[in-house]
Amino acid sequence: MSDAPPTFNPKDTILKGPSEQQALLQAFAHTSHGHSREAVLGACSNLIIAAIRQSIATRVVAEQEFDMLCGRTKTVLLQHYDGVTGLRKTVFPFHQQIQAPLVVDEDQIFSPGSKRPQ
């Protein structure tokens, strides 16, 4: 079994960073698993703000650091989207499968109530 976080494909380029970053990413992925997108993004934002605020004394330098981080992050993010169509690229196959056991299949070939051939 792979050591990759539950929300990432083991071939994901995000997992190719320095080992200390990989360890933190794995820990956060396991901790945030099952939480909403908004909760995870909020926690990530708070971690970024806390790390900058606790290590940089002046507003100007803190803002420069934040802008540089946002620029690098946006560059990495946009590498996963097609510049022409705007659609997400399939850089590697997704390893997760979504199961929706409570979805009613309304796409019926036969009229409701009729028996389907077996």
PDB file of N, CA and C in Angstrom:
ATOM      1  N   MET A   1       0.835  -1.171   0.000  1.00  0.00           N
ATOM      2  CA  MET A   1       0.000   0.000   0.000  1.00  0.00           C
ATOM      3  C   MET A   1       0.884   1.240   0.000  1.00  0.00           C
ATOM      4  N   SER A   2       0.465   2.286  -0.687  1.00  0.00           N
ATOM      5  CA  SER A   2       1.240   3.498  -0.833  1.00  0.00           C
ATOM      6  C   SER A   2       1.140   4.389   0.402  1.00  0.00           C
ATOM      7  N   ASP A   3       2.182   5.186   0.617  1.00  0.00           N
ATOM      8  CA  ASP A   3       2.174   6.155   1.707  1.00  0.00           C
ATOM      9  C   ASP A   3       1.530   7.471   1.288  1.00  0.00           C
ATOM     10  N   ALA A   4       0.992   7.551   0.070  1.00  0.00           N
ATOM     11  CA  ALA A   4       0.391   8.787  -0.418  1.00  0.00           C
ATOM     12  C   ALA A   4      -0.848   9.131   0.402  1.00  0.00           C
ATOM     13  N   PRO A   5      -1.084  10.444   0.588  1.00  0.00           N
ATOM     14  CA  PRO A   5      -2.299  10.853   1.307  1.00  0.00           C
ATOM     15  C   PRO A   5      -3.539  10.322   0.613  1.00  0.00           C
ATOM     16  N   PRO A   6      -4.640  10.168   1.331  1.00  0.00           N
ATOM     17  CA  PRO A   6      -5.833   9.569   0.745  1.00  0.00           C
ATOM     18  C   PRO A   6      -6.455  10.389  -0.375  1.00  0.00           C
ATOM     19  N   THR A   7      -6.118  11.672  -0.491  1.00  0.00           N
ATOM     20  CA  THR A   7      -6.752  12.512  -1.499  1.00  0.00           C
ATOM     21  C   THR A   7      -5.878  12.762  -2.716  1.00  0.00           C
ATOM     22  N   PHE A   8      -4.732  12.123  -2.836  1.00  0.00           N
ATOM     23  CA  PHE A   8      -3.819  12.360  -3.950  1.00  0.00           C
ATOM     24  C   PHE A   8      -3.455  11.069  -4.662  1.00  0.00           C
ATOM     25  N   ASN A   9      -3.281  11.157  -5.962  1.00  0.00           N
ATOM     26  CA  ASN A   9      -2.736  10.067  -6.734  1.00  0.00           C
ATOM     27  C   ASN A   9      -1.243   9.982  -6.409  1.00  0.00           C
ATOM     28  N   PRO A  10      -0.682   8.798  -6.222  1.00  0.00           N
ATOM     29  CA  PRO A  10       0.740   8.672  -5.898  1.00  0.00           C
ATOM     30  C   PRO A  10       1.659   9.297  -6.941  1.00  0.00           C
ATOM     31  N   LYS A  11       1.186   9.483  -8.174  1.00  0.00           N
ATOM     32  CA  LYS A  11       1.996  10.091  -9.231  1.00  0.00           C
ATOM     33  C   LYS A  11       1.828  11.604  -9.302  1.00  0.00           C
ATOM     34  N   ASP A  12       1.041  12.168  -8.395  1.00  0.00           N
ATOM     35  CA  ASP A  12       0.785  13.610  -8.388  1.00  0.00           C
ATOM     36  C   ASP A  12       2.085  14.366  -8.164  1.00  0.00           C
ATOM     37  N   THR A  13       2.335  15.397  -8.976  1.00  0.00           N
ATOM     38  CA  THR A  13       3.556  16.187  -8.857  1.00  0.00           C
ATOM     39  C   THR A  13       3.615  16.958  -7.543  1.00  0.00           C
ATOM     40  N   ILE A  14       2.484  17.165  -6.894  1.00  0.00           N
ATOM     41  CA  ILE A  14       2.468  17.831  -5.588  1.00  0.00           C
ATOM     42  C   ILE A  14       3.280  17.037  -4.568  1.00  0.00           C
ATOM     43  N   LEU A  15       3.373  15.743  -4.750  1.00  0.00           N
ATOM     44  CA  LEU A  15       4.091  14.883  -3.812  1.00  0.00           C
ATOM     45  C   LEU A  15       5.591  14.834  -4.089  1.00  0.00           C
ATOM     46  N   LYS A  16       6.060  15.601  -5.058  1.00  0.00           N
ATOM     47  CA  LYS A  16       7.471  15.561  -5.440  1.00  0.00           C
ATOM     48  C   LYS A  16       8.310  16.630  -4.747  1.00  0.00           C
ATOM     49  N   GLY A  17       7.746  17.376  -3.799  1.00  0.00           N
ATOM     50  CA  GLY A  17       8.473  18.431  -3.103  1.00  0.00           C
ATOM     51  C   GLY A  17       9.479  17.870  -2.115  1.00  0.00           C
ATOM     52  N   PRO A  18      10.156  18.783  -1.399  1.00  0.00           N
ATOM     53  CA  PRO A  18      11.110  18.345  -0.370  1.00  0.00           C
ATOM     54  C   PRO A  18      10.439  17.440   0.663  1.00  0.00           C
ATOM     55  N   SER A  19      11.224  16.556   1.265  1.00  0.00           N
ATOM     56  CA  SER A  19      10.655  15.543   2.161  1.00  0.00           C
ATOM     57  C   SER A  19       9.904  16.159   3.339  1.00  0.00           C
ATOM     58  N   GLU A  20      10.379  17.279   3.866  1.00  0.00           N
ATOM     59  CA  GLU A  20       9.680  17.911   4.985  1.00  0.00           C
ATOM     60  C   GLU A  20       8.297  18.394   4.549  1.00  0.00           C
ATOM     61  N   GLN A  21       8.204  18.945   3.326  1.00  0.00           N
ATOM     62  CA  GLN A  21       6.905  19.374   2.800  1.00  0.00           C
ATOM     63  C   GLN A  21       5.997  18.183   2.557  1.00  0.00           C
ATOM     64  N   GLN A  22       6.553  17.092   2.046  1.00  0.00           N
ATOM     65  CA  GLN A  22       5.758  15.883   1.814  1.00  0.00           C
ATOM     66  C   GLN A  22       5.170  15.359   3.114  1.00  0.00           C
ATOM     67  N   ALA A  23       5.975  15.350   4.178  1.00  0.00           N
ATOM     68  CA  ALA A  23       5.502  14.846   5.471  1.00  0.00           C
ATOM     69  C   ALA A  23       4.370  15.719   6.009  1.00  0.00           C
ATOM     70  N   LEU A  24       4.511  17.040   5.894  1.00  0.00           N
ATOM     71  CA  LEU A  24       3.455  17.941   6.349  1.00  0.00           C
ATOM     72  C   LEU A  24       2.198  17.788   5.496  1.00  0.00           C
ATOM     73  N   LEU A  25       2.376  17.649   4.190  1.00  0.00           N
ATOM     74  CA  LEU A  25       1.232  17.471   3.300  1.00  0.00           C
ATOM     75  C   LEU A  25       0.482  16.187   3.641  1.00  0.00           C
ATOM     76  N   GLN A  26       1.212  15.106   3.877  1.00  0.00           N
ATOM     77  CA  GLN A  26       0.571  13.842   4.244  1.00  0.00           C
ATOM     78  C   GLN A  26      -0.192  13.975   5.550  1.00  0.00           C
ATOM     79  N   ALA A  27       0.426  14.610   6.534  1.00  0.00           N
ATOM     80  CA  ALA A  27      -0.239  14.770   7.828  1.00  0.00           C
ATOM     81  C   ALA A  27      -1.504  15.609   7.683  1.00  0.00           C
ATOM     82  N   PHE A  28      -1.422  16.695   6.922  1.00  0.00           N
ATOM     83  CA  PHE A  28      -2.592  17.551   6.753  1.00  0.00           C
ATOM     84  C   PHE A  28      -3.669  16.844   5.937  1.00  0.00           C
ATOM     85  N   ALA A  29      -3.274  16.091   4.918  1.00  0.00           N
ATOM     86  CA  ALA A  29      -4.249  15.364   4.097  1.00  0.00           C
ATOM     87  C   ALA A  29      -5.010  14.345   4.944  1.00  0.00           C
ATOM     88  N   HIS A  30      -4.305  13.638   5.807  1.00  0.00           N
ATOM     89  CA  HIS A  30      -4.968  12.659   6.669  1.00  0.00           C
ATOM     90  C   HIS A  30      -5.873  13.349   7.689  1.00  0.00           C
ATOM     91  N   THR A  31      -5.414  14.479   8.222  1.00  0.00           N
ATOM     92  CA  THR A  31      -6.198  15.217   9.222  1.00  0.00           C
ATOM     93  C   THR A  31      -7.437  15.844   8.597  1.00  0.00           C
ATOM     94  N   SER A  32      -7.309  16.349   7.381  1.00  0.00           N
ATOM     95  CA  SER A  32      -8.425  17.061   6.754  1.00  0.00           C
ATOM     96  C   SER A  32      -9.372  16.144   5.992  1.00  0.00           C
ATOM     97  N   HIS A  33      -9.013  14.873   5.866  1.00  0.00           N
ATOM     98  CA  HIS A  33      -9.853  13.927   5.128  1.00  0.00           C
ATOM     99  C   HIS A  33     -11.263  13.878   5.719  1.00  0.00           C
ATOM    100  N   GLY A  34     -12.258  14.070   4.876  1.00  0.00           N
ATOM    101  CA  GLY A  34     -13.647  14.016   5.316  1.00  0.00           C
ATOM    102  C   GLY A  34     -14.246  15.373   5.636  1.00  0.00           C
ATOM    103  N   HIS A  35     -13.425  16.413   5.669  1.00  0.00           N
ATOM    104  CA  HIS A  35     -13.934  17.759   5.924  1.00  0.00           C
ATOM    105  C   HIS A  35     -14.304  18.433   4.606  1.00  0.00           C
ATOM    106  N   SER A  36     -15.118  19.467   4.684  1.00  0.00           N
ATOM    107  CA  SER A  36     -15.562  20.163   3.470  1.00  0.00           C
ATOM    108  C   SER A  36     -14.407  20.925   2.830  1.00  0.00           C
ATOM    109  N   ARG A  37     -14.575  21.214   1.561  1.00  0.00           N
ATOM    110  CA  ARG A  37     -13.594  21.986   0.809  1.00  0.00           C
ATOM    111  C   ARG A  37     -13.356  23.333   1.486  1.00  0.00           C
ATOM    112  N   GLU A  38     -14.434  23.987   1.908  1.00  0.00           N
ATOM    113  CA  GLU A  38     -14.324  25.301   2.535  1.00  0.00           C
ATOM    114  C   GLU A  38     -13.527  25.226   3.837  1.00  0.00           C
ATOM    115  N   ALA A  39     -13.761  24.195   4.622  1.00  0.00           N
ATOM    116  CA  ALA A  39     -13.035  24.040   5.886  1.00  0.00           C
ATOM    117  C   ALA A  39     -11.547  23.812   5.638  1.00  0.00           C
ATOM    118  N   VAL A  40     -11.225  22.989   4.645  1.00  0.00           N
ATOM    119  CA  VAL A  40      -9.821  22.705   4.334  1.00  0.00           C
ATOM    120  C   VAL A  40      -9.128  23.955   3.810  1.00  0.00           C
ATOM    121  N   LEU A  41      -9.777  24.687   2.890  1.00  0.00           N
ATOM    122  CA  LEU A  41      -9.179  25.914   2.366  1.00  0.00           C
ATOM    123  C   LEU A  41      -9.011  26.959   3.461  1.00  0.00           C
ATOM    124  N   GLY A  42      -9.982  27.070   4.351  1.00  0.00           N
ATOM    125  CA  GLY A  42      -9.867  28.005   5.464  1.00  0.00           C
ATOM    126  C   GLY A  42      -8.706  27.668   6.376  1.00  0.00           C
ATOM    127  N   ALA A  43      -8.553  26.394   6.680  1.00  0.00           N
ATOM    128  CA  ALA A  43      -7.441  25.963   7.535  1.00  0.00           C
ATOM    129  C   ALA A  43      -6.098  26.220   6.850  1.00  0.00           C
ATOM    130  N   CYS A  44      -6.026  25.947   5.553  1.00  0.00           N
ATOM    131  CA  CYS A  44      -4.788  26.209   4.806  1.00  0.00           C
ATOM    132  C   CYS A  44      -4.451  27.691   4.818  1.00  0.00           C
ATOM    133  N   SER A  45      -5.452  28.524   4.600  1.00  0.00           N
ATOM    134  CA  SER A  45      -5.236  29.974   4.628  1.00  0.00           C
ATOM    135  C   SER A  45      -4.735  30.421   5.995  1.00  0.00           C
ATOM    136  N   ASN A  46      -5.344  29.891   7.039  1.00  0.00           N
ATOM    137  CA  ASN A  46      -4.919  30.259   8.394  1.00  0.00           C
ATOM    138  C   ASN A  46      -3.492  29.802   8.683  1.00  0.00           C
ATOM    139  N   LEU A  47      -3.098  28.642   8.168  1.00  0.00           N
ATOM    140  CA  LEU A  47      -1.720  28.178   8.347  1.00  0.00           C
ATOM    141  C   LEU A  47      -0.732  29.107   7.644  1.00  0.00           C
ATOM    142  N   ILE A  48      -1.076  29.529   6.430  1.00  0.00           N
ATOM    143  CA  ILE A  48      -0.215  30.446   5.684  1.00  0.00           C
ATOM    144  C   ILE A  48      -0.077  31.768   6.431  1.00  0.00           C
ATOM    145  N   ILE A  49      -1.199  32.320   6.857  1.00  0.00           N
ATOM    146  CA  ILE A  49      -1.184  33.592   7.567  1.00  0.00           C
ATOM    147  C   ILE A  49      -0.370  33.479   8.859  1.00  0.00           C
ATOM    148  N   ALA A  50      -0.584  32.411   9.608  1.00  0.00           N
ATOM    149  CA  ALA A  50       0.142  32.225  10.869  1.00  0.00           C
ATOM    150  C   ALA A  50       1.645  32.090  10.632  1.00  0.00           C
ATOM    151  N   ALA A  51       2.037  31.333   9.619  1.00  0.00           N
ATOM    152  CA  ALA A  51       3.463  31.135   9.342  1.00  0.00           C
ATOM    153  C   ALA A  51       4.133  32.448   8.947  1.00  0.00           C
ATOM    154  N   ILE A  52       3.471  33.238   8.122  1.00  0.00           N
ATOM    155  CA  ILE A  52       4.044  34.526   7.718  1.00  0.00           C
ATOM    156  C   ILE A  52       4.045  35.502   8.886  1.00  0.00           C
ATOM    157  N   ARG A  53       2.941  35.605   9.572  1.00  0.00           N
ATOM    158  CA  ARG A  53       2.800  36.566  10.674  1.00  0.00           C
ATOM    159  C   ARG A  53       3.807  36.297  11.796  1.00  0.00           C
ATOM    160  N   GLN A  54       4.065  35.022  12.081  1.00  0.00           N
ATOM    161  CA  GLN A  54       4.962  34.681  13.183  1.00  0.00           C
ATOM    162  C   GLN A  54       6.442  34.797  12.818  1.00  0.00           C
ATOM    163  N   SER A  55       6.751  34.862  11.528  1.00  0.00           N
ATOM    164  CA  SER A  55       8.159  34.871  11.137  1.00  0.00           C
ATOM    165  C   SER A  55       8.628  36.176  10.496  1.00  0.00           C
ATOM    166  N   ILE A  56       7.712  37.083  10.184  1.00  0.00           N
ATOM    167  CA  ILE A  56       8.081  38.331   9.515  1.00  0.00           C
ATOM    168  C   ILE A  56       7.533  39.502  10.331  1.00  0.00           C
ATOM    169  N   ALA A  57       8.432  40.453  10.640  1.00  0.00           N
ATOM    170  CA  ALA A  57       8.072  41.528  11.558  1.00  0.00           C
ATOM    171  C   ALA A  57       7.356  42.709  10.904  1.00  0.00           C
ATOM    172  N   THR A  58       7.578  42.951   9.614  1.00  0.00           N
ATOM    173  CA  THR A  58       7.003  44.146   9.001  1.00  0.00           C
ATOM    174  C   THR A  58       5.944  43.805   7.972  1.00  0.00           C
ATOM    175  N   ARG A  59       4.970  44.697   7.846  1.00  0.00           N
ATOM    176  CA  ARG A  59       3.854  44.501   6.921  1.00  0.00           C
ATOM    177  C   ARG A  59       4.318  44.431   5.471  1.00  0.00           C
ATOM    178  N   VAL A  60       5.251  45.296   5.089  1.00  0.00           N
ATOM    179  CA  VAL A  60       5.716  45.344   3.700  1.00  0.00           C
ATOM    180  C   VAL A  60       6.350  44.013   3.305  1.00  0.00           C
ATOM    181  N   VAL A  61       7.219  43.501   4.135  1.00  0.00           N
ATOM    182  CA  VAL A  61       7.895  42.226   3.828  1.00  0.00           C
ATOM    183  C   VAL A  61       6.893  41.073   3.876  1.00  0.00           C
ATOM    184  N   ALA A  62       5.962  41.105   4.824  1.00  0.00           N
ATOM    185  CA  ALA A  62       4.940  40.066   4.920  1.00  0.00           C
ATOM    186  C   ALA A  62       4.080  40.046   3.655  1.00  0.00           C
ATOM    187  N   GLU A  63       3.715  41.228   3.176  1.00  0.00           N
ATOM    188  CA  GLU A  63       2.903  41.308   1.961  1.00  0.00           C
ATOM    189  C   GLU A  63       3.683  40.823   0.746  1.00  0.00           C
ATOM    190  N   GLN A  64       4.965  41.147   0.672  1.00  0.00           N
ATOM    191  CA  GLN A  64       5.805  40.662  -0.428  1.00  0.00           C
ATOM    192  C   GLN A  64       5.905  39.138  -0.402  1.00  0.00           C
ATOM    193  N   GLU A  65       6.096  38.577   0.774  1.00  0.00           N
ATOM    194  CA  GLU A  65       6.174  37.123   0.930  1.00  0.00           C
ATOM    195  C   GLU A  65       4.869  36.458   0.497  1.00  0.00           C
ATOM    196  N   PHE A  66       3.753  37.033   0.921  1.00  0.00           N
ATOM    197  CA  PHE A  66       2.439  36.487   0.569  1.00  0.00           C
ATOM    198  C   PHE A  66       2.206  36.558  -0.938  1.00  0.00           C
ATOM    199  N   ASP A  67       2.549  37.703  -1.552  1.00  0.00           N
ATOM    200  CA  ASP A  67       2.381  37.853  -3.003  1.00  0.00           C
ATOM    201  C   ASP A  67       3.250  36.864  -3.772  1.00  0.00           C
ATOM    202  N   MET A  68       4.490  36.659  -3.314  1.00  0.00           N
ATOM    203  CA  MET A  68       5.379  35.704  -3.971  1.00  0.00           C
ATOM    204  C   MET A  68       4.819  34.285  -3.848  1.00  0.00           C
ATOM    205  N   LEU A  69       4.324  33.935  -2.668  1.00  0.00           N
ATOM    206  CA  LEU A  69       3.734  32.617  -2.446  1.00  0.00           C
ATOM    207  C   LEU A  69       2.506  32.412  -3.333  1.00  0.00           C
ATOM    208  N   CYS A  70       1.646  33.431  -3.410  1.00  0.00           N
ATOM    209  CA  CYS A  70       0.449  33.325  -4.252  1.00  0.00           C
ATOM    210  C   CYS A  70       0.822  33.165  -5.718  1.00  0.00           C
ATOM    211  N   GLY A  71       1.842  33.876  -6.170  1.00  0.00           N
ATOM    212  CA  GLY A  71       2.294  33.753  -7.560  1.00  0.00           C
ATOM    213  C   GLY A  71       2.795  32.357  -7.871  1.00  0.00           C
ATOM    214  N   ARG A  72       3.633  31.813  -6.992  1.00  0.00           N
ATOM    215  CA  ARG A  72       4.145  30.444  -7.199  1.00  0.00           C
ATOM    216  C   ARG A  72       3.013  29.429  -7.171  1.00  0.00           C
ATOM    217  N   THR A  73       2.095  29.606  -6.227  1.00  0.00           N
ATOM    218  CA  THR A  73       0.980  28.671  -6.077  1.00  0.00           C
ATOM    219  C   THR A  73       0.077  28.711  -7.299  1.00  0.00           C
ATOM    220  N   LYS A  74      -0.196  29.897  -7.814  1.00  0.00           N
ATOM    221  CA  LYS A  74      -1.050  30.031  -8.996  1.00  0.00           C
ATOM    222  C   LYS A  74      -0.388  29.388 -10.209  1.00  0.00           C
ATOM    223  N   THR A  75       0.917  29.540 -10.334  1.00  0.00           N
ATOM    224  CA  THR A  75       1.641  28.922 -11.452  1.00  0.00           C
ATOM    225  C   THR A  75       1.502  27.401 -11.412  1.00  0.00           C
ATOM    226  N   VAL A  76       1.686  26.820 -10.244  1.00  0.00           N
ATOM    227  CA  VAL A  76       1.551  25.356 -10.097  1.00  0.00           C
ATOM    228  C   VAL A  76       0.118  24.929 -10.395  1.00  0.00           C
ATOM    229  N   LEU A  77      -0.855  25.679  -9.882  1.00  0.00           N
ATOM    230  CA  LEU A  77      -2.263  25.346 -10.112  1.00  0.00           C
ATOM    231  C   LEU A  77      -2.604  25.378 -11.595  1.00  0.00           C
ATOM    232  N   LEU A  78      -2.207  26.442 -12.292  1.00  0.00           N
ATOM    233  CA  LEU A  78      -2.593  26.602 -13.691  1.00  0.00           C
ATOM    234  C   LEU A  78      -1.909  25.605 -14.622  1.00  0.00           C
ATOM    235  N   GLN A  79      -0.836  24.968 -14.180  1.00  0.00           N
ATOM    236  CA  GLN A  79      -0.210  23.916 -14.975  1.00  0.00           C
ATOM    237  C   GLN A  79      -1.143  22.726 -15.153  1.00  0.00           C
ATOM    238  N   HIS A  80      -2.156  22.634 -14.315  1.00  0.00           N
ATOM    239  CA  HIS A  80      -3.092  21.517 -14.371  1.00  0.00           C
ATOM    240  C   HIS A  80      -4.361  21.854 -15.156  1.00  0.00           C
ATOM    241  N   TYR A  81      -4.387  23.016 -15.822  1.00  0.00           N
ATOM    242  CA  TYR A  81      -5.534  23.434 -16.627  1.00  0.00           C
ATOM    243  C   TYR A  81      -5.063  23.806 -18.024  1.00  0.00           C
ATOM    244  N   ASP A  82      -5.872  23.475 -19.027  1.00  0.00           N
ATOM    245  CA  ASP A  82      -5.558  23.791 -20.409  1.00  0.00           C
ATOM    246  C   ASP A  82      -5.734  25.293 -20.632  1.00  0.00           C
ATOM    247  N   GLY A  83      -4.724  25.941 -21.202  1.00  0.00           N
ATOM    248  CA  GLY A  83      -4.768  27.383 -21.423  1.00  0.00           C
ATOM    249  C   GLY A  83      -5.778  27.812 -22.461  1.00  0.00           C
ATOM    250  N   VAL A  84      -6.154  26.925 -23.387  1.00  0.00           N
ATOM    251  CA  VAL A  84      -7.091  27.270 -24.450  1.00  0.00           C
ATOM    252  C   VAL A  84      -8.528  26.997 -24.025  1.00  0.00           C
ATOM    253  N   THR A  85      -8.792  25.781 -23.548  1.00  0.00           N
ATOM    254  CA  THR A  85     -10.164  25.413 -23.198  1.00  0.00           C
ATOM    255  C   THR A  85     -10.540  25.811 -21.770  1.00  0.00           C
ATOM    256  N   GLY A  86      -9.544  25.971 -20.912  1.00  0.00           N
ATOM    257  CA  GLY A  86      -9.816  26.284 -19.515  1.00  0.00           C
ATOM    258  C   GLY A  86     -10.205  25.065 -18.694  1.00  0.00           C
ATOM    259  N   LEU A  87     -10.222  23.903 -19.316  1.00  0.00           N
ATOM    260  CA  LEU A  87     -10.608  22.668 -18.620  1.00  0.00           C
ATOM    261  C   LEU A  87      -9.412  22.042 -17.922  1.00  0.00           C
ATOM    262  N   ARG A  88      -9.696  21.292 -16.875  1.00  0.00           N
ATOM    263  CA  ARG A  88      -8.639  20.594 -16.152  1.00  0.00           C
ATOM    264  C   ARG A  88      -8.001  19.549 -17.063  1.00  0.00           C
ATOM    265  N   LYS A  89      -6.677  19.503 -17.043  1.00  0.00           N
ATOM    266  CA  LYS A  89      -5.941  18.490 -17.808  1.00  0.00           C
ATOM    267  C   LYS A  89      -5.971  17.179 -17.032  1.00  0.00           C
ATOM    268  N   THR A  90      -5.967  16.074 -17.737  1.00  0.00           N
ATOM    269  CA  THR A  90      -5.828  14.787 -17.096  1.00  0.00           C
ATOM    270  C   THR A  90      -4.346  14.459 -17.133  1.00  0.00           C
ATOM    271  N   VAL A  91      -3.618  15.009 -16.168  1.00  0.00           N
ATOM    272  CA  VAL A  91      -2.183  14.826 -16.102  1.00  0.00           C
ATOM    273  C   VAL A  91      -1.856  13.384 -15.730  1.00  0.00           C
ATOM    274  N   PHE A  92      -2.662  12.830 -14.876  1.00  0.00           N
ATOM    275  CA  PHE A  92      -2.522  11.434 -14.463  1.00  0.00           C
ATOM    276  C   PHE A  92      -3.921  10.949 -14.118  1.00  0.00           C
ATOM    277  N   PRO A  93      -4.172   9.651 -14.228  1.00  0.00           N
ATOM    278  CA  PRO A  93      -5.520   9.151 -13.940  1.00  0.00           C
ATOM    279  C   PRO A  93      -5.866   9.307 -12.466  1.00  0.00           C
ATOM    280  N   PHE A  94      -7.113   9.639 -12.211  1.00  0.00           N
ATOM    281  CA  PHE A  94      -7.579   9.730 -10.829  1.00  0.00           C
ATOM    282  C   PHE A  94      -7.694   8.336 -10.257  1.00  0.00           C
ATOM    283  N   HIS A  95      -7.268   8.161  -9.024  1.00  0.00           N
ATOM    284  CA  HIS A  95      -7.307   6.848  -8.399  1.00  0.00           C
ATOM    285  C   HIS A  95      -8.534   6.665  -7.522  1.00  0.00           C
ATOM    286  N   GLN A  96      -9.303   7.731  -7.342  1.00  0.00           N
ATOM    287  CA  GLN A  96     -10.485   7.616  -6.512  1.00  0.00           C
ATOM    288  C   GLN A  96     -11.708   7.355  -7.384  1.00  0.00           C
ATOM    289  N   GLN A  97     -12.680   6.686  -6.823  1.00  0.00           N
ATOM    290  CA  GLN A  97     -13.931   6.452  -7.517  1.00  0.00           C
ATOM    291  C   GLN A  97     -15.061   6.945  -6.634  1.00  0.00           C
ATOM    292  N   ILE A  98     -15.935   7.713  -7.217  1.00  0.00           N
ATOM    293  CA  ILE A  98     -17.070   8.226  -6.466  1.00  0.00           C
ATOM    294  C   ILE A  98     -18.204   7.217  -6.580  1.00  0.00           C
ATOM    295  N   GLN A  99     -18.768   6.856  -5.449  1.00  0.00           N
ATOM    296  CA  GLN A  99     -19.892   5.937  -5.433  1.00  0.00           C
ATOM    297  C   GLN A  99     -21.103   6.685  -4.902  1.00  0.00           C
ATOM    298  N   ALA A 100     -22.194   6.607  -5.625  1.00  0.00           N
ATOM    299  CA  ALA A 100     -23.415   7.287  -5.208  1.00  0.00           C
ATOM    300  C   ALA A 100     -24.537   6.265  -5.075  1.00  0.00           C
ATOM    301  N   PRO A 101     -24.581   5.545  -3.961  1.00  0.00           N
ATOM    302  CA  PRO A 101     -25.554   4.461  -3.824  1.00  0.00           C
ATOM    303  C   PRO A 101     -26.999   4.935  -3.734  1.00  0.00           C
ATOM    304  N   LEU A 102     -27.235   6.194  -3.406  1.00  0.00           N
ATOM    305  CA  LEU A 102     -28.603   6.664  -3.236  1.00  0.00           C
ATOM    306  C   LEU A 102     -29.130   7.435  -4.447  1.00  0.00           C
ATOM    307  N   VAL A 103     -28.382   7.455  -5.536  1.00  0.00           N
ATOM    308  CA  VAL A 103     -28.828   8.162  -6.730  1.00  0.00           C
ATOM    309  C   VAL A 103     -29.809   7.284  -7.492  1.00  0.00           C
ATOM    310  N   VAL A 104     -30.940   7.862  -7.847  1.00  0.00           N
ATOM    311  CA  VAL A 104     -31.958   7.146  -8.606  1.00  0.00           C
ATOM    312  C   VAL A 104     -31.648   7.331 -10.085  1.00  0.00           C
ATOM    313  N   ASP A 105     -31.549   6.234 -10.800  1.00  0.00           N
ATOM    314  CA  ASP A 105     -31.271   6.288 -12.238  1.00  0.00           C
ATOM    315  C   ASP A 105     -32.560   6.619 -12.976  1.00  0.00           C
ATOM    316  N   GLU A 106     -32.661   7.864 -13.432  1.00  0.00           N
ATOM    317  CA  GLU A 106     -33.874   8.291 -14.124  1.00  0.00           C
ATOM    318  C   GLU A 106     -33.767   8.105 -15.635  1.00  0.00           C
ATOM    319  N   ASP A 107     -32.628   7.645 -16.107  1.00  0.00           N
ATOM    320  CA  ASP A 107     -32.429   7.421 -17.526  1.00  0.00           C
ATOM    321  C   ASP A 107     -32.938   6.013 -17.853  1.00  0.00           C
ATOM    322  N   GLN A 108     -34.205   5.932 -18.226  1.00  0.00           N
ATOM    323  CA  GLN A 108     -34.822   4.634 -18.458  1.00  0.00           C
ATOM    324  C   GLN A 108     -35.124   4.446 -19.941  1.00  0.00           C
ATOM    325  N   ILE A 109     -34.804   3.281 -20.420  1.00  0.00           N
ATOM    326  CA  ILE A 109     -35.121   2.934 -21.800  1.00  0.00           C
ATOM    327  C   ILE A 109     -36.559   2.471 -21.884  1.00  0.00           C
ATOM    328  N   PHE A 110     -37.005   1.806 -20.845  1.00  0.00           N
ATOM    329  CA  PHE A 110     -38.355   1.240 -20.830  1.00  0.00           C
ATOM    330  C   PHE A 110     -39.261   2.160 -20.016  1.00  0.00           C
ATOM    331  N   SER A 111     -40.539   2.102 -20.302  1.00  0.00           N
ATOM    332  CA  SER A 111     -41.486   2.953 -19.572  1.00  0.00           C
ATOM    333  C   SER A 111     -41.549   2.511 -18.101  1.00  0.00           C
ATOM    334  N   PRO A 112     -41.837   3.460 -17.192  1.00  0.00           N
ATOM    335  CA  PRO A 112     -41.913   3.106 -15.772  1.00  0.00           C
ATOM    336  C   PRO A 112     -42.959   2.015 -15.546  1.00  0.00           C
ATOM    337  N   GLY A 113     -42.619   1.071 -14.707  1.00  0.00           N
ATOM    338  CA  GLY A 113     -43.530  -0.006 -14.359  1.00  0.00           C
ATOM    339  C   GLY A 113     -43.367  -1.233 -15.216  1.00  0.00           C
ATOM    340  N   SER A 114     -42.789  -1.107 -16.412  1.00  0.00           N
ATOM    341  CA  SER A 114     -42.609  -2.294 -17.262  1.00  0.00           C
ATOM    342  C   SER A 114     -41.383  -3.066 -16.795  1.00  0.00           C
ATOM    343  N   LYS A 115     -41.406  -4.355 -17.082  1.00  0.00           N
ATOM    344  CA  LYS A 115     -40.285  -5.194 -16.673  1.00  0.00           C
ATOM    345  C   LYS A 115     -39.197  -5.124 -17.730  1.00  0.00           C
ATOM    346  N   ARG A 116     -37.982  -5.081 -17.254  1.00  0.00           N
ATOM    347  CA  ARG A 116     -36.847  -5.056 -18.172  1.00  0.00           C
ATOM    348  C   ARG A 116     -36.449  -6.481 -18.493  1.00  0.00           C
ATOM    349  N   PRO A 117     -36.031  -6.720 -19.719  1.00  0.00           N
ATOM    350  CA  PRO A 117     -35.567  -8.074 -20.062  1.00  0.00           C
ATOM    351  C   PRO A 117     -34.326  -8.430 -19.250  1.00  0.00           C
ATOM    352  N   GLN A 118     -34.228  -9.700 -18.885  1.00  0.00           N
ATOM    353  CA  GLN A 118     -33.079 -10.143 -18.072  1.00  0.00           C
ATOM    354  C   GLN A 118     -32.087 -10.889 -18.870  1.00  0.00           C
TER     355      GLN A 118
END
